[in-house]
């Protein structure tokens, strides 16, 4: 775990409201292993982080969105040859807080855009993740990474 909020802000600037990277009051990140247990680890990291920032009142919404973003990264963005027993993989969760905003960003190695599926069956087991992200966050988007970082970042913004 570490902090790296300003590095992650660069690809996010186009889609977010004006946010000064110097005004980030808190930032935290964690690498996630390339297996589905990482979703539980991401929720635990999010709980501990938000509690430490006294922002736990938005935990339910943020946790749901983090779960969906991490699940999508694990399911759709990892190459098939990634060893599933690795301790830390190419998926990384970033949480950044300003006085009134929180950004959850999930970085993965894929260059493919996230695809929101149109579905009328809301009881379906899959295919509604980005619908939930859109419903529970104030805004969301994605950007390809540039420079030495490879892949993309999918982010969600919350007003707190």
N, C-alpha and C. Protein backbone atom coordinates (compact mmCIF):
# COMPACT_ATOMS: atom_id res chain seq x y z
N UNK A 1 0.84 -1.18 0.00
CA UNK A 1 0.00 0.00 0.00
C UNK A 1 0.88 1.23 0.00
N UNK A 2 0.38 2.26 -0.61
CA UNK A 2 1.15 3.49 -0.66
C UNK A 2 0.29 4.62 -1.13
N UNK A 3 0.90 5.74 -1.33
CA UNK A 3 0.16 6.88 -1.84
C UNK A 3 0.76 7.27 -3.17
N UNK A 4 -0.10 7.58 -4.11
CA UNK A 4 0.35 7.95 -5.44
C UNK A 4 -0.75 8.72 -6.14
N UNK A 5 -1.46 9.55 -5.44
CA UNK A 5 -2.62 10.24 -5.98
C UNK A 5 -2.29 11.17 -7.11
N UNK A 6 -1.22 11.94 -7.01
CA UNK A 6 -0.94 12.93 -8.05
C UNK A 6 -0.59 12.25 -9.36
N UNK A 7 0.08 11.11 -9.35
CA UNK A 7 0.39 10.39 -10.58
C UNK A 7 -0.88 9.94 -11.28
N UNK A 8 -1.85 9.50 -10.51
CA UNK A 8 -3.09 9.00 -11.11
C UNK A 8 -3.97 10.13 -11.60
N UNK A 9 -3.77 11.35 -11.11
CA UNK A 9 -4.62 12.46 -11.53
C UNK A 9 -4.38 12.87 -12.97
N UNK A 10 -3.18 12.71 -13.47
CA UNK A 10 -2.88 13.18 -14.81
C UNK A 10 -3.85 12.62 -15.85
N UNK A 11 -4.07 11.30 -15.95
CA UNK A 11 -5.00 10.82 -16.97
C UNK A 11 -6.46 11.11 -16.64
N UNK A 12 -6.75 11.52 -15.42
CA UNK A 12 -8.13 11.77 -15.03
C UNK A 12 -8.59 13.19 -15.33
N UNK A 13 -7.67 14.12 -15.51
CA UNK A 13 -8.01 15.54 -15.59
C UNK A 13 -9.08 15.85 -16.63
N UNK A 14 -9.06 15.17 -17.77
CA UNK A 14 -10.01 15.50 -18.83
C UNK A 14 -11.44 15.23 -18.42
N UNK A 15 -11.69 14.21 -17.62
CA UNK A 15 -13.06 13.83 -17.33
C UNK A 15 -13.60 14.31 -16.01
N UNK A 16 -12.76 14.84 -15.16
CA UNK A 16 -13.20 15.26 -13.84
C UNK A 16 -13.45 16.76 -13.81
N UNK A 17 -14.28 17.18 -12.87
CA UNK A 17 -14.39 18.63 -12.65
C UNK A 17 -13.01 19.17 -12.27
N UNK A 18 -12.79 20.47 -12.40
CA UNK A 18 -11.46 21.01 -12.08
C UNK A 18 -11.05 20.65 -10.66
N UNK A 19 -9.94 19.94 -10.55
CA UNK A 19 -9.41 19.52 -9.26
C UNK A 19 -7.92 19.81 -9.24
N UNK A 20 -7.48 20.52 -8.25
CA UNK A 20 -6.08 20.87 -8.12
C UNK A 20 -5.36 19.71 -7.45
N UNK A 21 -4.37 19.09 -8.13
CA UNK A 21 -3.66 17.97 -7.50
C UNK A 21 -2.99 18.35 -6.20
N UNK A 22 -2.61 19.62 -6.06
CA UNK A 22 -1.98 20.06 -4.82
C UNK A 22 -2.98 20.11 -3.67
N UNK A 23 -4.27 20.13 -4.00
CA UNK A 23 -5.30 20.23 -2.97
C UNK A 23 -5.79 18.86 -2.48
N UNK A 24 -5.20 17.79 -2.99
CA UNK A 24 -5.58 16.46 -2.51
C UNK A 24 -5.25 16.39 -1.04
N UNK A 25 -6.27 16.17 -0.22
CA UNK A 25 -6.02 16.12 1.22
C UNK A 25 -5.57 14.74 1.66
N UNK A 26 -5.98 13.72 0.95
CA UNK A 26 -5.58 12.35 1.28
C UNK A 26 -5.53 11.53 0.01
N UNK A 27 -4.60 10.59 -0.04
CA UNK A 27 -4.53 9.65 -1.15
C UNK A 27 -3.96 8.34 -0.62
N UNK A 28 -4.49 7.25 -1.13
CA UNK A 28 -4.01 5.93 -0.74
C UNK A 28 -4.22 4.99 -1.91
N UNK A 29 -3.36 3.99 -2.01
CA UNK A 29 -3.53 3.00 -3.08
C UNK A 29 -3.04 1.65 -2.60
N UNK A 30 -3.51 0.63 -3.29
CA UNK A 30 -3.05 -0.72 -2.98
C UNK A 30 -3.04 -1.55 -4.25
N UNK A 31 -2.03 -2.41 -4.36
CA UNK A 31 -1.96 -3.37 -5.45
C UNK A 31 -2.86 -4.54 -5.08
N UNK A 32 -3.52 -5.10 -6.09
CA UNK A 32 -4.44 -6.21 -5.85
C UNK A 32 -3.98 -7.45 -6.59
N UNK A 33 -4.07 -8.61 -5.94
CA UNK A 33 -3.66 -9.85 -6.61
C UNK A 33 -4.62 -10.20 -7.74
N UNK A 34 -4.16 -10.92 -8.75
CA UNK A 34 -5.00 -11.24 -9.90
C UNK A 34 -5.94 -12.42 -9.65
N UNK A 35 -6.71 -12.34 -8.59
CA UNK A 35 -7.70 -13.37 -8.27
C UNK A 35 -8.91 -12.70 -7.63
N UNK A 36 -10.04 -13.37 -7.65
CA UNK A 36 -11.29 -12.74 -7.24
C UNK A 36 -11.35 -12.40 -5.75
N UNK A 37 -10.50 -13.02 -4.93
CA UNK A 37 -10.44 -12.64 -3.52
C UNK A 37 -10.00 -11.18 -3.37
N UNK A 38 -9.43 -10.62 -4.41
CA UNK A 38 -8.97 -9.23 -4.39
C UNK A 38 -10.14 -8.27 -4.19
N UNK A 39 -11.34 -8.67 -4.60
CA UNK A 39 -12.50 -7.80 -4.42
C UNK A 39 -12.76 -7.60 -2.92
N UNK A 40 -12.67 -8.65 -2.15
CA UNK A 40 -12.84 -8.55 -0.70
C UNK A 40 -11.72 -7.70 -0.09
N UNK A 41 -10.48 -7.90 -0.57
CA UNK A 41 -9.36 -7.10 -0.09
C UNK A 41 -9.56 -5.62 -0.42
N UNK A 42 -10.08 -5.32 -1.60
CA UNK A 42 -10.34 -3.93 -2.00
C UNK A 42 -11.40 -3.30 -1.10
N UNK A 43 -12.44 -4.06 -0.77
CA UNK A 43 -13.47 -3.53 0.14
C UNK A 43 -12.88 -3.25 1.52
N UNK A 44 -12.06 -4.15 2.03
CA UNK A 44 -11.43 -3.94 3.33
C UNK A 44 -10.51 -2.73 3.32
N UNK A 45 -9.72 -2.58 2.27
CA UNK A 45 -8.84 -1.41 2.13
C UNK A 45 -9.67 -0.13 2.08
N UNK A 46 -10.78 -0.16 1.34
CA UNK A 46 -11.65 1.01 1.23
C UNK A 46 -12.25 1.35 2.58
N UNK A 47 -12.71 0.37 3.33
CA UNK A 47 -13.29 0.60 4.66
C UNK A 47 -12.27 1.26 5.57
N UNK A 48 -11.09 0.68 5.65
CA UNK A 48 -10.05 1.22 6.54
C UNK A 48 -9.67 2.65 6.13
N UNK A 49 -9.56 2.87 4.83
CA UNK A 49 -9.15 4.19 4.34
C UNK A 49 -10.22 5.23 4.63
N UNK A 50 -11.47 4.93 4.29
CA UNK A 50 -12.55 5.91 4.51
C UNK A 50 -12.76 6.18 5.99
N UNK A 51 -12.65 5.15 6.82
CA UNK A 51 -12.76 5.36 8.27
C UNK A 51 -11.65 6.29 8.75
N UNK A 52 -10.45 6.10 8.24
CA UNK A 52 -9.33 6.97 8.62
C UNK A 52 -9.51 8.40 8.16
N UNK A 53 -10.26 8.59 7.10
CA UNK A 53 -10.51 9.93 6.56
C UNK A 53 -11.82 10.52 7.09
N UNK A 54 -12.48 9.85 7.99
CA UNK A 54 -13.80 10.27 8.50
C UNK A 54 -14.79 10.48 7.37
N UNK A 55 -14.75 9.58 6.40
CA UNK A 55 -15.68 9.65 5.26
C UNK A 55 -16.48 8.35 5.17
N UNK A 56 -16.61 7.65 6.28
CA UNK A 56 -17.28 6.36 6.30
C UNK A 56 -18.77 6.42 6.00
N UNK A 57 -19.37 7.62 6.04
CA UNK A 57 -20.80 7.71 5.78
C UNK A 57 -21.13 7.38 4.32
N UNK A 58 -20.19 7.45 3.41
CA UNK A 58 -20.42 7.08 2.00
C UNK A 58 -19.92 5.67 1.69
N UNK A 59 -19.55 4.93 2.75
CA UNK A 59 -18.92 3.63 2.52
C UNK A 59 -19.76 2.69 1.67
N UNK A 60 -21.05 2.58 1.92
CA UNK A 60 -21.86 1.61 1.18
C UNK A 60 -21.83 1.88 -0.32
N UNK A 61 -22.02 3.13 -0.72
CA UNK A 61 -21.98 3.47 -2.15
C UNK A 61 -20.59 3.27 -2.73
N UNK A 62 -19.58 3.77 -2.02
CA UNK A 62 -18.20 3.67 -2.51
C UNK A 62 -17.78 2.21 -2.59
N UNK A 63 -18.13 1.43 -1.60
CA UNK A 63 -17.75 0.02 -1.57
C UNK A 63 -18.37 -0.76 -2.73
N UNK A 64 -19.64 -0.48 -3.02
CA UNK A 64 -20.29 -1.14 -4.14
C UNK A 64 -19.57 -0.81 -5.44
N UNK A 65 -19.24 0.46 -5.64
CA UNK A 65 -18.57 0.88 -6.87
C UNK A 65 -17.16 0.29 -6.95
N UNK A 66 -16.42 0.32 -5.85
CA UNK A 66 -15.09 -0.28 -5.83
C UNK A 66 -15.18 -1.76 -6.19
N UNK A 67 -16.14 -2.47 -5.62
CA UNK A 67 -16.32 -3.89 -5.92
C UNK A 67 -16.56 -4.11 -7.40
N UNK A 68 -17.41 -3.30 -8.01
CA UNK A 68 -17.72 -3.45 -9.43
C UNK A 68 -16.51 -3.12 -10.30
N UNK A 69 -15.79 -2.04 -9.98
CA UNK A 69 -14.64 -1.67 -10.80
C UNK A 69 -13.53 -2.72 -10.71
N UNK A 70 -13.27 -3.22 -9.50
CA UNK A 70 -12.24 -4.24 -9.34
C UNK A 70 -12.66 -5.54 -10.02
N UNK A 71 -13.91 -5.94 -9.86
CA UNK A 71 -14.41 -7.16 -10.52
C UNK A 71 -14.26 -7.03 -12.04
N UNK A 72 -14.64 -5.90 -12.59
CA UNK A 72 -14.50 -5.71 -14.04
C UNK A 72 -13.05 -5.80 -14.48
N UNK A 73 -12.15 -5.19 -13.72
CA UNK A 73 -10.73 -5.27 -14.07
C UNK A 73 -10.24 -6.71 -14.05
N UNK A 74 -10.62 -7.46 -13.02
CA UNK A 74 -10.18 -8.85 -12.91
C UNK A 74 -10.80 -9.73 -13.99
N UNK A 75 -12.05 -9.49 -14.30
CA UNK A 75 -12.77 -10.33 -15.26
C UNK A 75 -12.43 -10.02 -16.71
N UNK A 76 -12.28 -8.73 -17.03
CA UNK A 76 -12.18 -8.34 -18.43
C UNK A 76 -10.83 -7.76 -18.85
N UNK A 77 -9.98 -7.38 -17.92
CA UNK A 77 -8.79 -6.61 -18.30
C UNK A 77 -7.47 -7.34 -18.11
N UNK A 78 -7.48 -8.50 -17.51
CA UNK A 78 -6.23 -9.21 -17.28
C UNK A 78 -5.95 -10.20 -18.40
N UNK A 79 -4.71 -10.26 -18.85
CA UNK A 79 -4.35 -11.27 -19.85
C UNK A 79 -4.54 -12.67 -19.26
N UNK A 80 -4.86 -13.61 -20.09
CA UNK A 80 -5.13 -14.98 -19.63
C UNK A 80 -3.90 -15.64 -19.02
N UNK A 81 -2.70 -15.20 -19.38
CA UNK A 81 -1.49 -15.86 -18.89
C UNK A 81 -0.97 -15.29 -17.57
N UNK A 82 -1.71 -14.40 -16.91
CA UNK A 82 -1.30 -13.88 -15.59
C UNK A 82 -1.44 -15.00 -14.57
N UNK A 83 -0.38 -15.34 -13.85
CA UNK A 83 -0.50 -16.37 -12.81
C UNK A 83 -1.45 -15.90 -11.71
N UNK A 84 -2.45 -16.71 -11.39
CA UNK A 84 -3.47 -16.33 -10.41
C UNK A 84 -3.00 -16.48 -8.96
N UNK A 85 -1.81 -17.01 -8.75
CA UNK A 85 -1.31 -17.16 -7.39
C UNK A 85 -0.41 -16.00 -6.96
N UNK A 86 -0.16 -15.05 -7.86
CA UNK A 86 0.70 -13.91 -7.53
C UNK A 86 0.12 -13.11 -6.35
N UNK A 87 1.01 -12.59 -5.55
CA UNK A 87 0.58 -11.80 -4.39
C UNK A 87 0.07 -10.42 -4.82
N UNK A 88 0.77 -9.78 -5.76
CA UNK A 88 0.38 -8.46 -6.25
C UNK A 88 0.36 -8.51 -7.76
N UNK A 89 -0.69 -8.00 -8.33
CA UNK A 89 -0.84 -8.06 -9.77
C UNK A 89 -0.88 -6.69 -10.40
N UNK A 90 -1.28 -6.66 -11.65
CA UNK A 90 -1.30 -5.41 -12.41
C UNK A 90 -2.53 -4.55 -12.18
N UNK A 91 -3.40 -4.95 -11.26
CA UNK A 91 -4.58 -4.14 -10.93
C UNK A 91 -4.28 -3.36 -9.66
N UNK A 92 -4.60 -2.07 -9.67
CA UNK A 92 -4.30 -1.22 -8.52
C UNK A 92 -5.49 -0.33 -8.23
N UNK A 93 -5.87 -0.24 -6.96
CA UNK A 93 -6.95 0.63 -6.51
C UNK A 93 -6.36 1.89 -5.90
N UNK A 94 -6.87 3.04 -6.35
CA UNK A 94 -6.44 4.33 -5.82
C UNK A 94 -7.66 5.04 -5.24
N UNK A 95 -7.51 5.62 -4.07
CA UNK A 95 -8.55 6.45 -3.45
C UNK A 95 -7.92 7.82 -3.21
N UNK A 96 -8.61 8.87 -3.66
CA UNK A 96 -8.11 10.23 -3.49
C UNK A 96 -9.24 11.09 -2.95
N UNK A 97 -8.91 11.92 -1.97
CA UNK A 97 -9.95 12.74 -1.33
C UNK A 97 -9.57 14.20 -1.35
N UNK A 98 -10.52 15.01 -1.71
CA UNK A 98 -10.46 16.46 -1.55
C UNK A 98 -11.44 16.79 -0.43
N UNK A 99 -11.61 18.04 -0.11
CA UNK A 99 -12.50 18.39 1.00
C UNK A 99 -13.92 17.90 0.76
N UNK A 100 -14.41 17.97 -0.47
CA UNK A 100 -15.81 17.59 -0.73
C UNK A 100 -15.97 16.51 -1.78
N UNK A 101 -14.86 15.92 -2.23
CA UNK A 101 -14.94 14.92 -3.29
C UNK A 101 -14.03 13.74 -2.99
N UNK A 102 -14.44 12.59 -3.47
CA UNK A 102 -13.66 11.37 -3.35
C UNK A 102 -13.63 10.72 -4.73
N UNK A 103 -12.45 10.31 -5.16
CA UNK A 103 -12.31 9.59 -6.43
C UNK A 103 -11.78 8.20 -6.12
N UNK A 104 -12.46 7.20 -6.69
CA UNK A 104 -11.99 5.82 -6.67
C UNK A 104 -11.52 5.54 -8.09
N UNK A 105 -10.31 5.07 -8.24
CA UNK A 105 -9.77 4.77 -9.56
C UNK A 105 -9.15 3.39 -9.54
N UNK A 106 -9.45 2.59 -10.57
CA UNK A 106 -8.87 1.26 -10.69
C UNK A 106 -8.07 1.22 -11.98
N UNK A 107 -6.79 0.93 -11.81
CA UNK A 107 -5.87 0.84 -12.95
C UNK A 107 -5.71 -0.62 -13.34
N UNK A 108 -5.76 -0.89 -14.65
CA UNK A 108 -5.56 -2.25 -15.13
C UNK A 108 -4.72 -2.22 -16.41
N UNK A 109 -4.20 -3.36 -16.87
CA UNK A 109 -3.29 -3.37 -18.02
C UNK A 109 -3.97 -3.35 -19.40
N UNK A 110 -5.28 -3.38 -19.47
CA UNK A 110 -5.97 -3.45 -20.75
C UNK A 110 -6.15 -2.06 -21.37
N UNK A 111 -6.10 -2.02 -22.68
CA UNK A 111 -6.37 -0.78 -23.40
C UNK A 111 -7.82 -0.71 -23.87
N UNK A 112 -8.58 -1.77 -23.66
CA UNK A 112 -9.97 -1.81 -24.11
C UNK A 112 -10.85 -0.94 -23.23
N UNK A 113 -11.78 -0.24 -23.87
CA UNK A 113 -12.69 0.61 -23.10
C UNK A 113 -13.69 -0.25 -22.34
N UNK A 114 -14.11 0.21 -21.17
CA UNK A 114 -15.17 -0.51 -20.47
C UNK A 114 -16.46 -0.39 -21.27
N UNK A 115 -17.23 -1.45 -21.31
CA UNK A 115 -18.45 -1.47 -22.10
C UNK A 115 -19.64 -1.65 -21.17
N UNK A 116 -20.52 -0.66 -21.18
CA UNK A 116 -21.75 -0.77 -20.41
C UNK A 116 -22.76 -1.53 -21.26
N UNK A 117 -23.23 -2.64 -20.75
CA UNK A 117 -24.21 -3.44 -21.49
C UNK A 117 -25.61 -2.93 -21.22
N UNK A 118 -26.37 -2.86 -22.27
CA UNK A 118 -27.79 -2.52 -22.11
C UNK A 118 -28.50 -3.80 -21.71
N UNK A 119 -29.18 -3.78 -20.59
CA UNK A 119 -29.90 -4.96 -20.15
C UNK A 119 -31.21 -4.55 -19.50
N UNK A 120 -32.22 -5.31 -19.80
CA UNK A 120 -33.51 -5.10 -19.15
C UNK A 120 -33.69 -6.06 -17.98
N UNK A 121 -32.77 -7.03 -17.87
CA UNK A 121 -32.87 -8.03 -16.83
C UNK A 121 -31.96 -7.65 -15.66
N UNK A 122 -32.50 -6.90 -14.70
CA UNK A 122 -31.70 -6.45 -13.58
C UNK A 122 -31.46 -7.53 -12.54
N UNK A 123 -32.05 -8.71 -12.74
CA UNK A 123 -31.78 -9.82 -11.84
C UNK A 123 -30.66 -10.70 -12.39
N UNK A 124 -30.11 -10.35 -13.56
CA UNK A 124 -29.03 -11.13 -14.17
C UNK A 124 -27.80 -11.10 -13.28
N UNK A 125 -27.03 -12.19 -13.32
CA UNK A 125 -25.83 -12.31 -12.49
C UNK A 125 -24.70 -11.40 -12.97
N UNK A 126 -24.67 -11.06 -14.24
CA UNK A 126 -23.60 -10.20 -14.75
C UNK A 126 -24.14 -9.25 -15.79
N UNK A 127 -23.30 -8.29 -16.17
CA UNK A 127 -23.68 -7.37 -17.22
C UNK A 127 -24.26 -6.05 -16.75
N UNK A 128 -24.32 -5.87 -15.44
CA UNK A 128 -24.91 -4.62 -14.94
C UNK A 128 -23.94 -3.81 -14.10
N UNK A 129 -22.67 -4.18 -14.08
CA UNK A 129 -21.68 -3.53 -13.22
C UNK A 129 -21.54 -2.04 -13.47
N UNK A 130 -21.39 -1.63 -14.73
CA UNK A 130 -21.22 -0.21 -15.01
C UNK A 130 -22.53 0.56 -14.81
N UNK A 131 -23.65 -0.13 -14.94
CA UNK A 131 -24.93 0.49 -14.61
C UNK A 131 -24.95 0.84 -13.12
N UNK A 132 -24.46 -0.07 -12.28
CA UNK A 132 -24.40 0.20 -10.84
C UNK A 132 -23.41 1.32 -10.53
N UNK A 133 -22.26 1.32 -11.21
CA UNK A 133 -21.28 2.39 -11.02
C UNK A 133 -21.92 3.73 -11.35
N UNK A 134 -22.62 3.79 -12.46
CA UNK A 134 -23.29 5.01 -12.88
C UNK A 134 -24.38 5.42 -11.89
N UNK A 135 -25.08 4.46 -11.33
CA UNK A 135 -26.19 4.74 -10.42
C UNK A 135 -25.74 5.22 -9.05
N UNK A 136 -24.62 4.70 -8.55
CA UNK A 136 -24.22 4.98 -7.18
C UNK A 136 -23.14 6.04 -7.05
N UNK A 137 -22.45 6.39 -8.14
CA UNK A 137 -21.46 7.46 -8.08
C UNK A 137 -22.07 8.73 -8.67
N UNK A 138 -21.41 9.85 -8.44
CA UNK A 138 -21.89 11.10 -9.01
C UNK A 138 -21.46 11.26 -10.47
N UNK A 139 -20.36 10.64 -10.85
CA UNK A 139 -19.95 10.56 -12.24
C UNK A 139 -18.86 9.50 -12.33
N UNK A 140 -18.60 9.03 -13.54
CA UNK A 140 -17.55 8.05 -13.74
C UNK A 140 -17.04 8.17 -15.17
N UNK A 141 -15.91 7.58 -15.43
CA UNK A 141 -15.34 7.59 -16.76
C UNK A 141 -14.08 6.75 -16.79
N UNK A 142 -13.38 6.84 -17.90
CA UNK A 142 -12.13 6.10 -18.03
C UNK A 142 -11.21 6.84 -19.00
N UNK A 143 -9.92 6.55 -18.88
CA UNK A 143 -8.92 7.13 -19.76
C UNK A 143 -7.79 6.14 -19.96
N UNK A 144 -7.24 6.08 -21.17
CA UNK A 144 -6.03 5.28 -21.36
C UNK A 144 -4.87 5.96 -20.63
N UNK A 145 -3.95 5.16 -20.16
CA UNK A 145 -2.77 5.71 -19.49
C UNK A 145 -1.71 6.05 -20.53
N UNK A 146 -0.87 7.00 -20.21
CA UNK A 146 0.18 7.43 -21.13
C UNK A 146 1.52 7.35 -20.43
N UNK A 147 2.56 7.56 -21.17
CA UNK A 147 3.90 7.56 -20.60
C UNK A 147 4.35 6.16 -20.25
N UNK A 148 4.92 6.01 -19.08
CA UNK A 148 5.45 4.72 -18.68
C UNK A 148 4.37 3.78 -18.15
N UNK A 149 3.19 4.31 -17.86
CA UNK A 149 2.10 3.47 -17.37
C UNK A 149 1.36 2.87 -18.55
N UNK A 150 1.05 1.61 -18.46
CA UNK A 150 0.39 0.89 -19.54
C UNK A 150 -1.02 0.51 -19.11
N UNK A 151 -1.98 0.61 -20.01
CA UNK A 151 -3.34 0.19 -19.72
C UNK A 151 -4.29 1.36 -19.64
N UNK A 152 -5.21 1.28 -18.68
CA UNK A 152 -6.22 2.33 -18.52
C UNK A 152 -6.56 2.48 -17.04
N UNK A 153 -7.29 3.55 -16.75
CA UNK A 153 -7.83 3.76 -15.42
C UNK A 153 -9.32 4.03 -15.58
N UNK A 154 -10.11 3.36 -14.76
CA UNK A 154 -11.55 3.60 -14.70
C UNK A 154 -11.81 4.25 -13.35
N UNK A 155 -12.52 5.38 -13.34
CA UNK A 155 -12.68 6.15 -12.12
C UNK A 155 -14.16 6.43 -11.84
N UNK A 156 -14.43 6.70 -10.59
CA UNK A 156 -15.77 7.13 -10.15
C UNK A 156 -15.58 8.26 -9.14
N UNK A 157 -16.42 9.27 -9.27
CA UNK A 157 -16.36 10.44 -8.40
C UNK A 157 -17.56 10.45 -7.47
N UNK A 158 -17.30 10.77 -6.21
CA UNK A 158 -18.36 10.90 -5.20
C UNK A 158 -18.24 12.25 -4.55
N UNK A 159 -19.35 12.89 -4.30
CA UNK A 159 -19.36 14.12 -3.49
C UNK A 159 -19.57 13.68 -2.05
N UNK A 160 -18.73 14.19 -1.17
CA UNK A 160 -18.83 13.78 0.24
C UNK A 160 -19.04 15.00 1.12
